[in-house]
Amino acid sequence: MVLKIINATEAKVGTNIIVDGEAYTVRKVDISKTGKHGHSKCRIEAIGIIDDNKKKILVLPGHERVEVPMIDKRKGQVLSVGDRVSIMDMESFETLEVDCPEDIKQQLTGEANVEYWDIEGKKIIKRKV
């Protein structure tokens, strides 16, 4: 579910956008001025939220619409650590199998508290609390 739709010129550093069905965070925006017969152009550099190694560079007309994803930030308690991390949501008490980056996974132990993000139905652990 998309939270809202914005023009490309409204994307600022730190804004989350959807590109090719994946969520990205804007790191740099360059907006060119309009020409004699044209529209302004936006060059957007974005890095993946779920996979930090993914980088996208987009060049769009300024009036092009981009989608802003709904990101639900929640807290959970670690139940077990394996290939995927099993956590229990602290509000609804449901058990979830969630992906976790390797650097965060090394810090986790049983009963540790974490912050996880639900990004358009995909869940990932972002940090240990």
N, C-alpha and C. Protein backbone atom coordinates (compact mmCIF):
# COMPACT_ATOMS: atom_id res chain seq x y z
N MET A 1 0.84 -1.18 0.00
CA MET A 1 0.00 0.00 0.00
C MET A 1 0.88 1.24 0.00
N VAL A 2 0.68 2.11 -0.94
CA VAL A 2 1.47 3.32 -1.08
C VAL A 2 0.86 4.40 -0.19
N LEU A 3 1.72 5.06 0.57
CA LEU A 3 1.26 6.10 1.47
C LEU A 3 0.81 7.34 0.70
N LYS A 4 1.67 7.80 -0.24
CA LYS A 4 1.30 8.95 -1.04
C LYS A 4 2.16 8.99 -2.30
N ILE A 5 1.80 9.88 -3.20
CA ILE A 5 2.53 10.07 -4.45
C ILE A 5 2.99 11.52 -4.50
N ILE A 6 4.28 11.74 -4.83
CA ILE A 6 4.84 13.09 -4.88
C ILE A 6 5.48 13.32 -6.25
N ASN A 7 5.70 14.58 -6.59
CA ASN A 7 6.45 14.91 -7.79
C ASN A 7 7.93 14.65 -7.54
N ALA A 8 8.68 14.42 -8.60
CA ALA A 8 10.11 14.15 -8.46
C ALA A 8 10.85 15.33 -7.84
N THR A 9 10.39 16.56 -8.10
CA THR A 9 11.05 17.73 -7.52
C THR A 9 10.82 17.85 -6.02
N GLU A 10 9.82 17.16 -5.49
CA GLU A 10 9.52 17.20 -4.06
C GLU A 10 10.34 16.20 -3.26
N ALA A 11 11.05 15.30 -3.93
CA ALA A 11 11.87 14.32 -3.23
C ALA A 11 13.10 15.01 -2.65
N LYS A 12 13.26 14.94 -1.36
CA LYS A 12 14.39 15.55 -0.68
C LYS A 12 15.28 14.45 -0.11
N VAL A 13 16.46 14.83 0.35
CA VAL A 13 17.38 13.86 0.95
C VAL A 13 16.71 13.25 2.18
N GLY A 14 16.71 11.92 2.25
CA GLY A 14 16.08 11.22 3.36
C GLY A 14 14.68 10.73 3.06
N THR A 15 14.09 11.18 1.95
CA THR A 15 12.76 10.72 1.55
C THR A 15 12.85 9.29 1.07
N ASN A 16 11.87 8.48 1.43
CA ASN A 16 11.80 7.10 0.95
C ASN A 16 10.91 7.07 -0.28
N ILE A 17 11.37 6.37 -1.34
CA ILE A 17 10.61 6.26 -2.57
C ILE A 17 10.62 4.81 -3.05
N ILE A 18 9.69 4.49 -3.93
CA ILE A 18 9.65 3.15 -4.52
C ILE A 18 10.14 3.24 -5.96
N VAL A 19 11.16 2.41 -6.28
CA VAL A 19 11.70 2.33 -7.63
C VAL A 19 11.69 0.86 -8.03
N ASP A 20 11.03 0.53 -9.12
CA ASP A 20 10.95 -0.85 -9.62
C ASP A 20 10.43 -1.81 -8.55
N GLY A 21 9.48 -1.37 -7.73
CA GLY A 21 8.88 -2.23 -6.73
C GLY A 21 9.69 -2.40 -5.46
N GLU A 22 10.84 -1.75 -5.34
CA GLU A 22 11.69 -1.83 -4.14
C GLU A 22 11.73 -0.47 -3.46
N ALA A 23 11.92 -0.47 -2.14
CA ALA A 23 11.99 0.78 -1.37
C ALA A 23 13.43 1.29 -1.32
N TYR A 24 13.60 2.57 -1.58
CA TYR A 24 14.91 3.21 -1.56
C TYR A 24 14.83 4.50 -0.76
N THR A 25 15.98 4.92 -0.22
CA THR A 25 16.09 6.20 0.48
C THR A 25 16.91 7.14 -0.39
N VAL A 26 16.41 8.35 -0.60
CA VAL A 26 17.09 9.33 -1.43
C VAL A 26 18.33 9.84 -0.69
N ARG A 27 19.48 9.80 -1.37
CA ARG A 27 20.74 10.29 -0.80
C ARG A 27 21.18 11.62 -1.40
N LYS A 28 20.81 11.86 -2.67
CA LYS A 28 21.22 13.10 -3.32
C LYS A 28 20.21 13.44 -4.41
N VAL A 29 19.90 14.73 -4.53
CA VAL A 29 18.96 15.20 -5.55
C VAL A 29 19.57 16.41 -6.26
N ASP A 30 19.61 16.34 -7.59
CA ASP A 30 20.04 17.48 -8.40
C ASP A 30 18.88 17.85 -9.31
N ILE A 31 18.47 19.11 -9.28
CA ILE A 31 17.35 19.56 -10.10
C ILE A 31 17.90 20.59 -11.08
N SER A 32 17.74 20.32 -12.38
CA SER A 32 18.18 21.26 -13.40
C SER A 32 17.06 22.25 -13.68
N LYS A 33 17.44 23.40 -14.15
CA LYS A 33 16.44 24.42 -14.46
C LYS A 33 15.75 24.09 -15.78
N THR A 34 14.61 24.69 -15.98
CA THR A 34 13.88 24.47 -17.22
C THR A 34 14.61 25.12 -18.37
N GLY A 35 14.47 24.52 -19.54
CA GLY A 35 15.07 25.08 -20.73
C GLY A 35 14.06 25.92 -21.48
N LYS A 36 14.42 26.32 -22.68
CA LYS A 36 13.54 27.15 -23.48
C LYS A 36 12.28 26.40 -23.87
N HIS A 37 12.42 25.10 -24.19
CA HIS A 37 11.28 24.32 -24.64
C HIS A 37 11.01 23.09 -23.76
N GLY A 38 11.55 23.05 -22.57
CA GLY A 38 11.43 21.80 -21.82
C GLY A 38 11.05 21.99 -20.38
N HIS A 39 11.08 20.89 -19.68
CA HIS A 39 10.75 20.85 -18.26
C HIS A 39 12.04 20.67 -17.46
N SER A 40 11.96 20.91 -16.17
CA SER A 40 13.11 20.66 -15.32
C SER A 40 13.34 19.16 -15.22
N LYS A 41 14.58 18.78 -14.96
CA LYS A 41 14.93 17.37 -14.82
C LYS A 41 15.46 17.15 -13.41
N CYS A 42 15.16 15.98 -12.85
CA CYS A 42 15.65 15.61 -11.52
C CYS A 42 16.56 14.40 -11.65
N ARG A 43 17.74 14.51 -11.07
CA ARG A 43 18.65 13.36 -10.99
C ARG A 43 18.65 12.93 -9.54
N ILE A 44 18.14 11.73 -9.29
CA ILE A 44 17.98 11.24 -7.92
C ILE A 44 18.89 10.04 -7.71
N GLU A 45 19.75 10.12 -6.68
CA GLU A 45 20.57 8.98 -6.27
C GLU A 45 19.91 8.40 -5.03
N ALA A 46 19.64 7.10 -5.07
CA ALA A 46 18.97 6.45 -3.95
C ALA A 46 19.68 5.15 -3.60
N ILE A 47 19.58 4.77 -2.33
CA ILE A 47 20.19 3.53 -1.86
C ILE A 47 19.10 2.67 -1.24
N GLY A 48 19.19 1.35 -1.42
CA GLY A 48 18.15 0.43 -0.96
C GLY A 48 17.98 0.42 0.54
N ILE A 49 16.74 0.33 0.99
CA ILE A 49 16.46 0.23 2.43
C ILE A 49 16.70 -1.20 2.90
N ILE A 50 16.19 -2.17 2.17
CA ILE A 50 16.32 -3.56 2.57
C ILE A 50 17.73 -4.07 2.27
N ASP A 51 18.24 -3.79 1.08
CA ASP A 51 19.59 -4.21 0.70
C ASP A 51 20.42 -2.95 0.53
N ASP A 52 21.29 -2.65 1.51
CA ASP A 52 22.06 -1.42 1.50
C ASP A 52 23.06 -1.34 0.35
N ASN A 53 23.37 -2.46 -0.30
CA ASN A 53 24.33 -2.45 -1.39
C ASN A 53 23.72 -1.99 -2.71
N LYS A 54 22.39 -2.00 -2.80
CA LYS A 54 21.73 -1.57 -4.03
C LYS A 54 21.74 -0.06 -4.13
N LYS A 55 22.14 0.44 -5.30
CA LYS A 55 22.15 1.88 -5.54
C LYS A 55 21.48 2.13 -6.88
N LYS A 56 20.60 3.10 -6.93
CA LYS A 56 19.89 3.46 -8.16
C LYS A 56 20.11 4.93 -8.43
N ILE A 57 20.29 5.25 -9.70
CA ILE A 57 20.36 6.64 -10.14
C ILE A 57 19.25 6.83 -11.17
N LEU A 58 18.35 7.75 -10.88
CA LEU A 58 17.20 8.02 -11.75
C LEU A 58 17.30 9.42 -12.32
N VAL A 59 16.95 9.57 -13.59
CA VAL A 59 16.81 10.88 -14.19
C VAL A 59 15.38 10.97 -14.68
N LEU A 60 14.62 11.86 -14.07
CA LEU A 60 13.19 11.97 -14.33
C LEU A 60 12.81 13.41 -14.65
N PRO A 61 11.76 13.62 -15.43
CA PRO A 61 11.22 14.98 -15.56
C PRO A 61 10.71 15.44 -14.19
N GLY A 62 10.76 16.72 -13.94
CA GLY A 62 10.36 17.25 -12.64
C GLY A 62 8.92 16.98 -12.28
N HIS A 63 8.05 16.84 -13.26
CA HIS A 63 6.64 16.60 -12.98
C HIS A 63 6.32 15.12 -12.87
N GLU A 64 7.30 14.25 -13.06
CA GLU A 64 7.07 12.79 -12.94
C GLU A 64 6.67 12.45 -11.51
N ARG A 65 5.74 11.52 -11.37
CA ARG A 65 5.25 11.14 -10.03
C ARG A 65 6.05 9.95 -9.51
N VAL A 66 6.43 9.99 -8.25
CA VAL A 66 7.09 8.86 -7.58
C VAL A 66 6.28 8.48 -6.35
N GLU A 67 6.32 7.20 -6.02
CA GLU A 67 5.54 6.70 -4.89
C GLU A 67 6.38 6.71 -3.63
N VAL A 68 5.75 7.04 -2.52
CA VAL A 68 6.38 7.02 -1.20
C VAL A 68 5.79 5.83 -0.45
N PRO A 69 6.63 4.87 0.00
CA PRO A 69 6.09 3.68 0.66
C PRO A 69 5.67 3.97 2.10
N MET A 70 4.79 3.12 2.61
CA MET A 70 4.41 3.20 4.01
C MET A 70 5.37 2.31 4.80
N ILE A 71 6.07 2.90 5.74
CA ILE A 71 7.03 2.16 6.57
C ILE A 71 6.52 2.17 7.99
N ASP A 72 6.30 0.97 8.53
CA ASP A 72 5.81 0.81 9.89
C ASP A 72 6.98 0.35 10.75
N LYS A 73 7.42 1.20 11.69
CA LYS A 73 8.54 0.88 12.55
C LYS A 73 7.99 0.31 13.85
N ARG A 74 8.44 -0.92 14.19
CA ARG A 74 7.91 -1.61 15.37
C ARG A 74 9.05 -2.19 16.19
N LYS A 75 8.74 -2.57 17.40
CA LYS A 75 9.71 -3.20 18.30
C LYS A 75 9.36 -4.66 18.49
N GLY A 76 10.40 -5.49 18.66
CA GLY A 76 10.19 -6.90 18.86
C GLY A 76 11.26 -7.48 19.76
N GLN A 77 11.02 -8.70 20.21
CA GLN A 77 11.97 -9.41 21.08
C GLN A 77 12.46 -10.64 20.34
N VAL A 78 13.78 -10.85 20.34
CA VAL A 78 14.38 -11.97 19.62
C VAL A 78 14.08 -13.27 20.37
N LEU A 79 13.57 -14.26 19.62
CA LEU A 79 13.33 -15.58 20.19
C LEU A 79 14.45 -16.54 19.83
N SER A 80 14.89 -16.53 18.57
CA SER A 80 16.00 -17.39 18.14
C SER A 80 16.69 -16.76 16.94
N VAL A 81 17.98 -17.12 16.79
CA VAL A 81 18.78 -16.61 15.68
C VAL A 81 19.27 -17.79 14.87
N GLY A 82 18.96 -17.79 13.58
CA GLY A 82 19.40 -18.83 12.66
C GLY A 82 19.69 -18.18 11.32
N ASP A 83 19.28 -18.86 10.23
CA ASP A 83 19.39 -18.23 8.92
C ASP A 83 18.53 -16.97 8.89
N ARG A 84 17.34 -17.08 9.43
CA ARG A 84 16.45 -15.94 9.63
C ARG A 84 16.24 -15.79 11.13
N VAL A 85 15.92 -14.59 11.57
CA VAL A 85 15.73 -14.32 12.99
C VAL A 85 14.25 -14.42 13.33
N SER A 86 13.94 -15.17 14.37
CA SER A 86 12.56 -15.30 14.85
C SER A 86 12.35 -14.27 15.96
N ILE A 87 11.36 -13.39 15.75
CA ILE A 87 11.08 -12.36 16.75
C ILE A 87 9.60 -12.36 17.10
N MET A 88 9.32 -11.81 18.29
CA MET A 88 7.94 -11.65 18.74
C MET A 88 7.65 -10.15 18.80
N ASP A 89 6.59 -9.73 18.13
CA ASP A 89 6.17 -8.33 18.14
C ASP A 89 5.76 -7.96 19.56
N MET A 90 6.21 -6.80 20.05
CA MET A 90 5.94 -6.39 21.43
C MET A 90 4.52 -5.86 21.62
N GLU A 91 3.81 -5.51 20.54
CA GLU A 91 2.44 -5.00 20.69
C GLU A 91 1.41 -6.10 20.46
N SER A 92 1.57 -6.84 19.36
CA SER A 92 0.56 -7.84 19.02
C SER A 92 0.93 -9.25 19.49
N PHE A 93 2.16 -9.45 19.95
CA PHE A 93 2.67 -10.73 20.44
C PHE A 93 2.64 -11.83 19.38
N GLU A 94 2.67 -11.46 18.09
CA GLU A 94 2.75 -12.46 17.04
C GLU A 94 4.21 -12.79 16.78
N THR A 95 4.48 -14.02 16.33
CA THR A 95 5.82 -14.48 16.05
C THR A 95 6.10 -14.34 14.56
N LEU A 96 7.27 -13.76 14.21
CA LEU A 96 7.62 -13.49 12.83
C LEU A 96 9.00 -14.05 12.51
N GLU A 97 9.18 -14.51 11.28
CA GLU A 97 10.50 -14.86 10.76
C GLU A 97 10.95 -13.69 9.91
N VAL A 98 12.06 -13.05 10.28
CA VAL A 98 12.47 -11.80 9.66
C VAL A 98 13.91 -11.90 9.16
N ASP A 99 14.18 -11.25 8.00
CA ASP A 99 15.55 -11.15 7.51
C ASP A 99 16.33 -10.17 8.38
N CYS A 100 17.65 -10.39 8.44
CA CYS A 100 18.49 -9.55 9.28
C CYS A 100 19.86 -9.41 8.64
N PRO A 101 20.43 -8.19 8.54
CA PRO A 101 21.79 -8.02 8.04
C PRO A 101 22.79 -8.73 8.96
N GLU A 102 23.88 -9.21 8.37
CA GLU A 102 24.87 -9.99 9.11
C GLU A 102 25.49 -9.22 10.27
N ASP A 103 25.77 -7.92 10.10
CA ASP A 103 26.41 -7.16 11.18
C ASP A 103 25.51 -7.02 12.40
N ILE A 104 24.20 -6.93 12.18
CA ILE A 104 23.26 -6.85 13.30
C ILE A 104 23.04 -8.24 13.89
N LYS A 105 23.03 -9.26 13.05
CA LYS A 105 22.78 -10.63 13.50
C LYS A 105 23.84 -11.08 14.50
N GLN A 106 25.09 -10.62 14.33
CA GLN A 106 26.18 -11.00 15.24
C GLN A 106 25.99 -10.39 16.63
N GLN A 107 25.28 -9.28 16.72
CA GLN A 107 25.06 -8.62 18.01
C GLN A 107 23.88 -9.22 18.78
N LEU A 108 23.03 -9.99 18.10
CA LEU A 108 21.79 -10.47 18.72
C LEU A 108 22.02 -11.71 19.56
N THR A 109 21.31 -11.74 20.68
CA THR A 109 21.27 -12.92 21.55
C THR A 109 19.80 -13.17 21.86
N GLY A 110 19.53 -14.27 22.54
CA GLY A 110 18.15 -14.54 22.95
C GLY A 110 17.62 -13.45 23.86
N GLU A 111 16.38 -13.08 23.68
CA GLU A 111 15.68 -12.08 24.47
C GLU A 111 16.19 -10.65 24.29
N ALA A 112 16.93 -10.38 23.22
CA ALA A 112 17.35 -9.01 22.91
C ALA A 112 16.17 -8.28 22.27
N ASN A 113 16.09 -6.98 22.48
CA ASN A 113 15.05 -6.18 21.85
C ASN A 113 15.59 -5.54 20.58
N VAL A 114 14.77 -5.53 19.53
CA VAL A 114 15.18 -4.98 18.24
C VAL A 114 14.09 -4.08 17.68
N GLU A 115 14.48 -3.24 16.74
CA GLU A 115 13.51 -2.45 15.98
C GLU A 115 13.46 -3.06 14.58
N TYR A 116 12.26 -3.41 14.14
CA TYR A 116 12.12 -3.93 12.79
C TYR A 116 11.15 -3.06 12.01
N TRP A 117 11.36 -3.03 10.70
CA TRP A 117 10.56 -2.21 9.82
C TRP A 117 9.72 -3.11 8.92
N ASP A 118 8.46 -2.75 8.76
CA ASP A 118 7.55 -3.41 7.82
C ASP A 118 7.39 -2.46 6.65
N ILE A 119 8.06 -2.78 5.53
CA ILE A 119 8.06 -1.93 4.35
C ILE A 119 7.26 -2.62 3.26
N GLU A 120 6.02 -2.18 3.08
CA GLU A 120 5.17 -2.73 2.04
C GLU A 120 5.08 -4.26 2.13
N GLY A 121 4.99 -4.79 3.34
CA GLY A 121 4.85 -6.22 3.54
C GLY A 121 6.15 -6.97 3.73
N LYS A 122 7.29 -6.33 3.46
CA LYS A 122 8.60 -6.96 3.67
C LYS A 122 9.13 -6.48 5.02
N LYS A 123 9.60 -7.42 5.82
CA LYS A 123 10.06 -7.07 7.16
C LYS A 123 11.57 -7.28 7.25
N ILE A 124 12.26 -6.34 7.93
CA ILE A 124 13.69 -6.44 8.12
C ILE A 124 14.06 -5.80 9.46
N ILE A 125 15.03 -6.40 10.14
CA ILE A 125 15.52 -5.83 11.40
C ILE A 125 16.51 -4.73 11.06
N LYS A 126 16.32 -3.55 11.64
CA LYS A 126 17.18 -2.41 11.34
C LYS A 126 18.22 -2.14 12.42
N ARG A 127 17.86 -2.39 13.70
CA ARG A 127 18.85 -2.12 14.76
C ARG A 127 18.48 -2.83 16.03
N LYS A 128 19.48 -3.00 16.88
CA LYS A 128 19.26 -3.55 18.23
C LYS A 128 18.97 -2.37 19.15
N VAL A 129 17.95 -2.55 20.01
CA VAL A 129 17.56 -1.46 20.92
C VAL A 129 18.22 -1.66 22.26
